[in-house]
Amino acid sequence: MAGPGGFGLRDDAAVVSLRPDEDLVVTVDALVEGVHFFPDDPPEAIAVKALGVNLSDLAAKAAEPTGFLLALALHDRHPAEWLARFAEGLRAAAEMHGCPLLGGDTVRTPGPLTLSITAFGTVPRGRMLPRTGAQPGDLIYVSGTIGDAALGLTLRLNDDPPALGSILRAGMQAEDLAHLGDRYLRPRPRLALRGALRDHAHAGMDVSDGLVGDLRKMLRVARVGGSIDTARIPLSAAAQHAVAIDRRAFETAVTGGDDYEILATVAPDHALLFERAAAEAGERVTRIGQVLAGSDEVLFHDLSGSSLTFDRGSFQHF
């Protein structure tokens, strides 16, 4: 699993070599048992999520993965078999995405399992895609589908009827339940989009804390607003079935976290080029709105043009 700069994991440091025309992109995310994953989640899936959320950040910056560092705090409840399965899941994910392990640290903790990954990527000099670059008139795009992971989490929660999770578990088909559950466990970092983003987008970030809240964050830091057609927000067949059973599932889908899809703004004269480049990369992107000048407010409306508001915007740690 070790990359060439990791010295076979026999040293306490690693070397990342850069060409003169490259910039290094660095991102870090921590996952805590009971907050970001369940104690009984498969160790392979925990490994995939830990690396995937960092790779999603690199994808949003249009960066090519170079390698990662892992800090892992284990408690005594994790036997050797658990650790072996975790390591295998991490190895498979690292090989799939071309992002080798360069080193890290493992410690014992009396508290919940905690792990942190610091991932490195490269972009051509001066070409990292910033969160702050949205411009008035840009079209707003999102990759993949929204809300699957949030609905998957809702299905995992122990709630009592008539709460949403109970209603969905009772009304949905097994294949839809499995799809939503897997999307919660295993993010799909959209690394294949990095070329399309680098060539055509003004701004980018990944959707980790909910589409509604993350849209507001991205446009606020650029000091612009936006108009979003909620009917255009892409939902999977499983999420559509959930919304048909209980309309509350739509708000969960657009405000819940763990999508790890990419938000991007693209100038109108680059829109077709961006869509074509994404399709050639095998990724789906959907235009959901437009950037507006004069305000940092994001307006959401339905098919009739009526404004929509949401009780929550995004996941908050504090």
Protein backbone atom coordinates (compact mmCIF):
# COMPACT_ATOMS: atom_id res chain seq x y z
CA MET A 1 0.00 0.00 0.00
CA ALA A 2 2.92 2.38 0.63
CA GLY A 3 3.78 4.93 -2.03
CA PRO A 4 7.31 5.54 -3.31
CA GLY A 5 7.75 8.55 -1.00
CA GLY A 6 6.77 6.51 2.06
CA PHE A 7 9.97 4.43 2.30
CA GLY A 8 7.97 1.23 2.76
CA LEU A 9 6.42 2.75 5.93
CA ARG A 10 9.76 2.15 7.71
CA ASP A 11 10.48 5.84 8.41
CA ASP A 12 8.68 8.53 10.44
CA ALA A 13 8.40 10.95 7.51
CA ALA A 14 7.60 10.89 3.81
CA VAL A 15 8.75 12.82 0.74
CA VAL A 16 6.36 14.22 -1.86
CA SER A 17 8.19 15.32 -5.00
CA LEU A 18 6.76 18.15 -7.10
CA ARG A 19 7.59 19.29 -10.60
CA PRO A 20 8.40 22.99 -11.06
CA ASP A 21 5.04 23.62 -12.75
CA GLU A 22 2.91 22.04 -9.98
CA ASP A 23 1.23 23.20 -6.79
CA LEU A 24 0.59 20.92 -3.81
CA VAL A 25 -3.01 20.70 -2.54
CA VAL A 26 -3.49 19.44 1.04
CA THR A 27 -6.70 18.49 2.84
CA VAL A 28 -7.53 16.76 6.13
CA ASP A 29 -10.69 15.21 7.58
CA ALA A 30 -11.27 13.42 10.88
CA LEU A 31 -13.91 10.74 11.52
CA VAL A 32 -15.16 9.83 14.98
CA GLU A 33 -17.06 6.67 15.90
CA GLY A 34 -20.63 7.49 16.83
CA VAL A 35 -20.49 10.81 14.96
CA HIS A 36 -19.42 10.00 11.40
CA PHE A 37 -20.01 6.24 11.39
CA PHE A 38 -21.70 3.60 13.51
CA PRO A 39 -19.68 1.31 15.82
CA ASP A 40 -21.00 -1.74 13.96
CA ASP A 41 -20.21 -0.46 10.46
CA PRO A 42 -17.97 -2.84 8.49
CA PRO A 43 -14.33 -1.88 8.99
CA GLU A 44 -13.80 -1.97 5.22
CA ALA A 45 -16.53 0.64 4.77
CA ILE A 46 -15.06 2.87 7.49
CA ALA A 47 -11.73 2.80 5.63
CA VAL A 48 -13.40 3.61 2.31
CA LYS A 49 -15.25 6.55 3.88
CA ALA A 50 -12.16 7.89 5.65
CA LEU A 51 -10.17 8.05 2.42
CA GLY A 52 -13.14 8.92 0.23
CA VAL A 53 -14.10 12.11 2.06
CA ASN A 54 -10.56 13.43 1.59
CA LEU A 55 -10.43 12.43 -2.06
CA SER A 56 -13.71 14.25 -2.56
CA ASP A 57 -12.03 17.44 -1.31
CA LEU A 58 -9.19 16.91 -3.78
CA ALA A 59 -11.68 16.32 -6.59
CA ALA A 60 -13.42 19.61 -5.80
CA LYS A 61 -10.06 21.38 -6.11
CA ALA A 62 -9.42 19.67 -9.49
CA ALA A 63 -6.36 17.98 -7.97
CA GLU A 64 -4.64 14.71 -8.86
CA PRO A 65 -4.18 12.49 -5.75
CA THR A 66 -0.56 11.97 -4.70
CA GLY A 67 -0.78 10.15 -1.37
CA PHE A 68 -2.08 10.32 2.18
CA LEU A 69 -1.15 10.07 5.86
CA LEU A 70 -3.28 8.17 8.39
CA ALA A 71 -3.61 8.80 12.13
CA LEU A 72 -5.61 6.03 13.81
CA ALA A 73 -6.67 5.97 17.49
CA LEU A 74 -7.89 2.45 18.39
CA HIS A 75 -9.42 1.10 21.58
CA ASP A 76 -9.26 -2.45 22.95
CA ARG A 77 -12.60 -3.43 21.42
CA HIS A 78 -10.99 -3.66 18.00
CA PRO A 79 -9.31 -7.07 17.61
CA ALA A 80 -6.66 -7.96 15.07
CA GLU A 81 -9.30 -9.23 12.64
CA TRP A 82 -11.01 -5.82 12.64
CA LEU A 83 -7.74 -4.08 11.91
CA ALA A 84 -6.92 -6.52 9.10
CA ARG A 85 -10.27 -5.87 7.43
CA PHE A 86 -9.83 -2.11 7.83
CA ALA A 87 -6.36 -2.30 6.27
CA GLU A 88 -7.66 -4.35 3.34
CA GLY A 89 -10.46 -1.88 2.68
CA LEU A 90 -8.01 1.01 2.83
CA ARG A 91 -5.57 -0.77 0.51
CA ALA A 92 -8.29 -1.44 -2.06
CA ALA A 93 -9.55 2.15 -1.98
CA ALA A 94 -6.04 3.56 -2.22
CA GLU A 95 -5.24 1.40 -5.24
CA MET A 96 -8.57 2.19 -6.93
CA HIS A 97 -7.95 5.93 -6.74
CA GLY A 98 -4.18 5.95 -7.20
CA CYS A 99 -3.55 7.51 -3.79
CA PRO A 100 -0.94 5.52 -1.82
CA LEU A 101 -0.37 5.56 1.93
CA LEU A 102 2.77 7.54 2.80
CA GLY A 103 2.84 7.09 6.58
CA GLY A 104 1.09 8.10 9.77
CA ASP A 105 0.63 7.03 13.37
CA THR A 106 -1.39 4.49 15.39
CA VAL A 107 -2.22 4.99 19.07
CA ARG A 108 -4.47 3.52 21.73
CA THR A 109 -7.44 5.48 23.08
CA PRO A 110 -9.95 4.85 25.91
CA GLY A 111 -12.52 6.82 23.93
CA PRO A 112 -14.25 6.18 20.62
CA LEU A 113 -12.32 5.07 17.56
CA THR A 114 -10.97 8.17 15.84
CA LEU A 115 -9.12 8.43 12.58
CA SER A 116 -7.79 11.31 10.55
CA ILE A 117 -6.46 11.30 7.01
CA THR A 118 -4.38 14.04 5.44
CA ALA A 119 -4.42 13.72 1.66
CA PHE A 120 -2.11 15.34 -0.87
CA GLY A 121 -2.76 16.19 -4.50
CA THR A 122 -1.22 18.23 -7.27
CA VAL A 123 -2.52 20.72 -9.81
CA PRO A 124 -0.77 22.69 -12.52
CA ARG A 125 0.74 25.85 -11.03
CA GLY A 126 -1.98 28.39 -10.17
CA ARG A 127 -4.84 26.14 -11.34
CA MET A 128 -6.41 24.95 -8.07
CA LEU A 129 -10.16 25.51 -8.23
CA PRO A 130 -11.12 27.83 -5.34
CA ARG A 131 -14.35 27.86 -3.36
CA THR A 132 -14.37 31.65 -3.65
CA GLY A 133 -14.47 32.00 -7.44
CA ALA A 134 -18.21 32.11 -8.23
CA GLN A 135 -19.12 35.02 -10.52
CA PRO A 136 -22.49 36.66 -11.25
CA GLY A 137 -24.17 34.94 -14.18
CA ASP A 138 -22.37 31.63 -13.64
CA LEU A 139 -24.47 28.50 -13.89
CA ILE A 140 -24.51 26.28 -10.81
CA TYR A 141 -23.89 22.56 -11.32
CA VAL A 142 -23.85 19.54 -9.05
CA SER A 143 -22.49 16.08 -9.82
CA GLY A 144 -24.17 12.71 -9.32
CA THR A 145 -27.29 12.55 -7.17
CA ILE A 146 -28.15 14.33 -3.96
CA GLY A 147 -29.51 12.99 -0.69
CA ASP A 148 -28.87 9.25 -0.93
CA ALA A 149 -26.44 9.19 2.00
CA ALA A 150 -28.62 11.39 4.21
CA LEU A 151 -31.59 9.12 3.56
CA GLY A 152 -29.37 6.09 4.18
CA LEU A 153 -28.46 7.54 7.57
CA THR A 154 -32.13 8.22 8.33
CA LEU A 155 -32.88 4.56 7.70
CA ARG A 156 -30.17 3.54 10.19
CA LEU A 157 -31.45 5.65 13.07
CA ASN A 158 -33.48 4.02 15.85
CA ASP A 159 -36.64 6.08 15.86
CA ASP A 160 -40.28 5.45 16.67
CA PRO A 161 -43.25 5.79 14.30
CA PRO A 162 -44.32 8.09 12.80
CA ALA A 163 -40.72 9.29 12.32
CA LEU A 164 -39.40 9.40 8.78
CA GLY A 165 -36.98 6.47 9.04
CA SER A 166 -39.68 4.09 10.22
CA ILE A 167 -42.06 5.14 7.46
CA LEU A 168 -39.42 4.70 4.77
CA ARG A 169 -38.26 1.33 6.08
CA ALA A 170 -41.84 0.10 5.97
CA GLY A 171 -42.62 1.44 2.51
CA MET A 172 -39.49 1.01 0.40
CA GLN A 173 -38.27 -1.94 -1.63
CA ALA A 174 -35.20 -3.89 -0.49
CA GLU A 175 -33.06 -2.75 -3.42
CA ASP A 176 -33.78 0.93 -2.68
CA LEU A 177 -32.95 0.47 0.99
CA ALA A 178 -29.69 -1.24 0.03
CA HIS A 179 -28.75 1.53 -2.40
CA LEU A 180 -29.31 4.30 0.14
CA GLY A 181 -27.46 2.39 2.85
CA ASP A 182 -24.45 1.82 0.62
CA ARG A 183 -24.26 5.47 -0.38
CA TYR A 184 -24.06 6.39 3.30
CA LEU A 185 -21.30 3.86 3.93
CA ARG A 186 -19.19 4.40 0.81
CA PRO A 187 -18.65 7.86 -0.74
CA ARG A 188 -17.91 8.08 -4.47
CA PRO A 189 -15.26 10.80 -4.86
CA ARG A 190 -15.71 12.39 -8.30
CA LEU A 191 -12.03 12.50 -9.20
CA ALA A 192 -12.78 11.92 -12.88
CA LEU A 193 -14.28 15.42 -13.01
CA ARG A 194 -11.01 17.17 -12.21
CA GLY A 195 -10.17 17.91 -15.86
CA ALA A 196 -13.61 19.33 -16.63
CA LEU A 197 -13.51 21.43 -13.46
CA ARG A 198 -9.99 22.70 -14.09
CA ASP A 199 -10.76 23.70 -17.68
CA HIS A 200 -14.24 25.20 -17.29
CA ALA A 201 -15.28 26.01 -13.70
CA HIS A 202 -14.79 29.21 -11.70
CA ALA A 203 -15.52 27.72 -8.24
CA GLY A 204 -15.84 24.29 -6.69
CA MET A 205 -16.42 22.53 -3.38
CA ASP A 206 -17.72 19.16 -2.31
CA VAL A 207 -21.13 18.64 -0.71
CA SER A 208 -20.32 17.17 2.68
CA ASP A 209 -22.73 18.91 5.06
CA GLY A 210 -25.83 19.20 2.86
CA LEU A 211 -26.57 20.81 -0.51
CA VAL A 212 -28.58 23.74 0.87
CA GLY A 213 -26.02 24.74 3.48
CA ASP A 214 -22.96 24.11 1.33
CA LEU A 215 -24.40 26.17 -1.54
CA ARG A 216 -24.87 29.04 0.87
CA LYS A 217 -21.30 28.67 2.14
CA MET A 218 -19.79 28.66 -1.36
CA LEU A 219 -21.73 31.68 -2.61
CA ARG A 220 -21.38 33.66 0.63
CA VAL A 221 -17.58 33.58 0.53
CA ALA A 222 -17.73 34.89 -3.04
CA ARG A 223 -20.15 37.64 -1.91
CA VAL A 224 -22.80 36.61 -4.42
CA GLY A 225 -26.24 35.04 -4.23
CA GLY A 226 -28.02 32.36 -6.18
CA SER A 227 -31.32 31.11 -7.52
CA ILE A 228 -31.93 27.35 -7.32
CA ASP A 229 -34.64 25.40 -9.15
CA THR A 230 -35.27 22.58 -6.70
CA ALA A 231 -37.05 20.54 -9.37
CA ARG A 232 -33.71 20.20 -11.14
CA ILE A 233 -31.83 18.83 -8.12
CA PRO A 234 -30.83 15.29 -9.23
CA LEU A 235 -32.28 12.49 -7.12
CA SER A 236 -31.63 8.78 -7.56
CA ALA A 237 -34.56 6.44 -8.22
CA ALA A 238 -34.35 5.31 -4.60
CA ALA A 239 -34.49 8.89 -3.30
CA GLN A 240 -37.41 9.65 -5.60
CA HIS A 241 -39.25 6.66 -4.18
CA ALA A 242 -38.55 7.94 -0.66
CA VAL A 243 -39.97 11.37 -1.51
CA ALA A 244 -43.05 9.76 -3.05
CA ILE A 245 -43.67 7.90 0.22
CA ASP A 246 -43.11 10.91 2.49
CA ARG A 247 -42.46 14.44 1.22
CA ARG A 248 -40.27 15.13 4.26
CA ALA A 249 -37.64 12.97 2.61
CA PHE A 250 -36.92 15.78 0.15
CA GLU A 251 -35.82 18.19 2.86
CA THR A 252 -33.69 15.44 4.39
CA ALA A 253 -32.10 14.83 1.00
CA VAL A 254 -31.16 18.45 0.31
CA THR A 255 -30.08 19.42 3.84
CA GLY A 256 -28.47 16.18 5.07
CA GLY A 257 -24.75 15.49 4.80
CA ASP A 258 -22.42 12.86 3.34
CA ASP A 259 -23.25 13.37 -0.35
CA TYR A 260 -19.62 13.97 -1.36
CA GLU A 261 -20.76 15.26 -4.72
CA ILE A 262 -19.20 18.32 -6.38
CA LEU A 263 -20.71 21.80 -6.56
CA ALA A 264 -19.31 24.00 -9.32
CA THR A 265 -20.07 27.30 -11.00
CA VAL A 266 -19.43 27.63 -14.73
CA ALA A 267 -19.70 30.60 -17.08
CA PRO A 268 -22.64 30.20 -19.53
CA ASP A 269 -20.34 30.19 -22.56
CA HIS A 270 -18.48 27.20 -21.07
CA ALA A 271 -21.58 25.26 -19.98
CA LEU A 272 -21.82 22.94 -22.97
CA LEU A 273 -18.08 22.33 -22.93
CA PHE A 274 -18.24 21.50 -19.22
CA GLU A 275 -21.16 19.12 -19.71
CA ARG A 276 -19.42 17.42 -22.62
CA ALA A 277 -16.13 17.03 -20.72
CA ALA A 278 -18.00 15.56 -17.73
CA ALA A 279 -19.85 13.10 -19.94
CA GLU A 280 -16.58 12.05 -21.60
CA ALA A 281 -15.18 11.42 -18.11
CA GLY A 282 -18.16 9.19 -17.33
CA GLU A 283 -19.69 11.56 -14.76
CA ARG A 284 -23.14 13.08 -14.54
CA VAL A 285 -23.51 16.81 -13.88
CA THR A 286 -26.79 18.73 -13.59
CA ARG A 287 -27.44 22.45 -13.84
CA ILE A 288 -29.57 23.48 -10.86
CA GLY A 289 -29.42 27.27 -10.81
CA GLN A 290 -27.53 30.49 -11.43
CA VAL A 291 -25.29 32.87 -9.51
CA LEU A 292 -26.82 36.30 -8.82
CA ALA A 293 -25.17 39.64 -8.09
CA GLY A 294 -26.14 42.11 -5.40
CA SER A 295 -26.79 39.75 -2.49
CA ASP A 296 -25.36 36.71 -0.75
CA GLU A 297 -28.84 35.18 -0.33
CA VAL A 298 -29.61 31.85 -1.99
CA LEU A 299 -33.23 31.54 -3.14
CA PHE A 300 -34.86 28.14 -3.63
CA HIS A 301 -38.04 27.77 -5.67
CA ASP A 302 -40.26 24.95 -6.91
CA LEU A 303 -41.82 24.25 -10.33
CA SER A 304 -44.48 26.93 -9.83
CA GLY A 305 -41.88 29.53 -8.90
CA SER A 306 -42.91 29.57 -5.25
CA SER A 307 -40.12 30.16 -2.73
CA LEU A 308 -39.07 27.27 -0.49
CA THR A 309 -37.50 27.47 2.96
CA PHE A 310 -35.86 24.71 4.97
CA ASP A 311 -35.89 24.16 8.72
CA ARG A 312 -32.19 23.32 8.66
CA GLY A 313 -29.43 24.24 6.29
CA SER A 314 -26.71 21.69 6.85
CA PHE A 315 -25.04 19.41 9.36
CA GLN A 316 -23.35 21.30 12.19
CA HIS A 317 -20.75 19.82 14.60
CA PHE A 318 -21.20 22.59 17.17
